[in-house]
Amino acid sequence: MGFNTGTCSSTNVMEEIRELIKDNGLSVSKLAEEIGISRKAFSRIINEHNKFVDMDILVYLCKKLGIKAIVIE
């Protein structure tokens, strides 16, 4: 994520999300439960096994992790 800007590139948004989850000590299971999907489905999303991610899930994660903008390259 951009230093103190809250932005990240569209090409690495899931990488940034994975790092922020780890850095903040968040539980994948708890995040999945908050979103309303299974842990397995959530893991597939953040590990980029799904080609498409529901925008509601992406927006929720960005808000939760402090990502304010995604720069489309």
Protein backbone atom coordinates (compact mmCIF):
# COMPACT_ATOMS: atom_id res chain seq x y z
CA MET A 1 0.00 0.00 0.00
CA GLY A 2 1.23 3.48 -0.73
CA PHE A 3 3.03 4.92 2.29
CA ASN A 4 0.42 6.73 4.41
CA THR A 5 -1.87 7.20 1.41
CA GLY A 6 -4.28 4.32 1.86
CA THR A 7 -4.05 3.48 -1.83
CA CYS A 8 -2.96 0.40 -3.69
CA SER A 9 -2.65 -0.68 -7.30
CA SER A 10 -5.35 -2.78 -8.91
CA THR A 11 -2.67 -5.24 -9.97
CA ASN A 12 -1.73 -6.08 -6.39
CA VAL A 13 -4.86 -5.40 -4.33
CA MET A 14 -5.22 -9.00 -3.13
CA GLU A 15 -1.53 -9.11 -2.22
CA GLU A 16 -2.02 -5.93 -0.18
CA ILE A 17 -5.15 -7.37 1.47
CA ARG A 18 -3.30 -10.58 2.42
CA GLU A 19 -0.42 -8.57 3.91
CA LEU A 20 -2.75 -6.29 5.87
CA ILE A 21 -4.71 -9.25 7.25
CA LYS A 22 -1.44 -10.80 8.42
CA ASP A 23 0.06 -7.52 9.72
CA ASN A 24 -3.10 -6.73 11.71
CA GLY A 25 -3.32 -10.25 13.13
CA LEU A 26 -6.81 -10.72 11.76
CA SER A 27 -8.42 -14.13 11.54
CA VAL A 28 -9.41 -15.35 8.09
CA SER A 29 -12.23 -17.33 9.71
CA LYS A 30 -13.55 -14.26 11.55
CA LEU A 31 -13.39 -12.07 8.44
CA ALA A 32 -15.20 -14.74 6.42
CA GLU A 33 -17.88 -14.96 9.11
CA GLU A 34 -18.30 -11.16 9.14
CA ILE A 35 -18.71 -11.15 5.36
CA GLY A 36 -21.10 -14.10 5.47
CA ILE A 37 -19.10 -16.63 3.44
CA SER A 38 -17.22 -19.80 4.32
CA ARG A 39 -13.57 -19.70 5.34
CA LYS A 40 -12.75 -21.81 2.29
CA ALA A 41 -14.51 -19.39 -0.08
CA PHE A 42 -12.77 -16.43 1.58
CA SER A 43 -9.37 -18.13 1.29
CA ARG A 44 -9.99 -18.74 -2.40
CA ILE A 45 -10.74 -15.05 -2.87
CA ILE A 46 -7.69 -13.68 -1.05
CA ASN A 47 -5.38 -16.26 -2.60
CA GLU A 48 -6.61 -15.23 -6.06
CA HIS A 49 -8.16 -18.56 -7.06
CA ASN A 50 -11.34 -16.74 -8.11
CA LYS A 51 -11.14 -14.64 -11.27
CA PHE A 52 -13.91 -12.35 -10.08
CA VAL A 53 -14.55 -10.92 -6.63
CA ASP A 54 -17.90 -9.56 -5.54
CA MET A 55 -17.49 -5.77 -5.22
CA ASP A 56 -19.32 -5.76 -1.89
CA ILE A 57 -16.69 -8.10 -0.47
CA LEU A 58 -13.83 -6.05 -1.92
CA VAL A 59 -15.29 -2.79 -0.58
CA TYR A 60 -15.84 -4.33 2.87
CA LEU A 61 -12.25 -5.59 3.04
CA CYS A 62 -10.83 -2.27 1.86
CA LYS A 63 -12.82 -0.37 4.50
CA LYS A 64 -11.90 -2.85 7.23
CA LEU A 65 -8.19 -2.70 6.33
CA GLY A 66 -7.94 1.05 5.70
CA ILE A 67 -7.51 0.93 1.92
CA LYS A 68 -9.12 4.15 0.75
CA ALA A 69 -8.52 3.89 -2.99
CA ILE A 70 -7.49 1.38 -5.63
CA VAL A 71 -5.58 2.87 -8.52
CA ILE A 72 -6.58 1.26 -11.82
CA GLU A 73 -3.52 0.85 -14.01
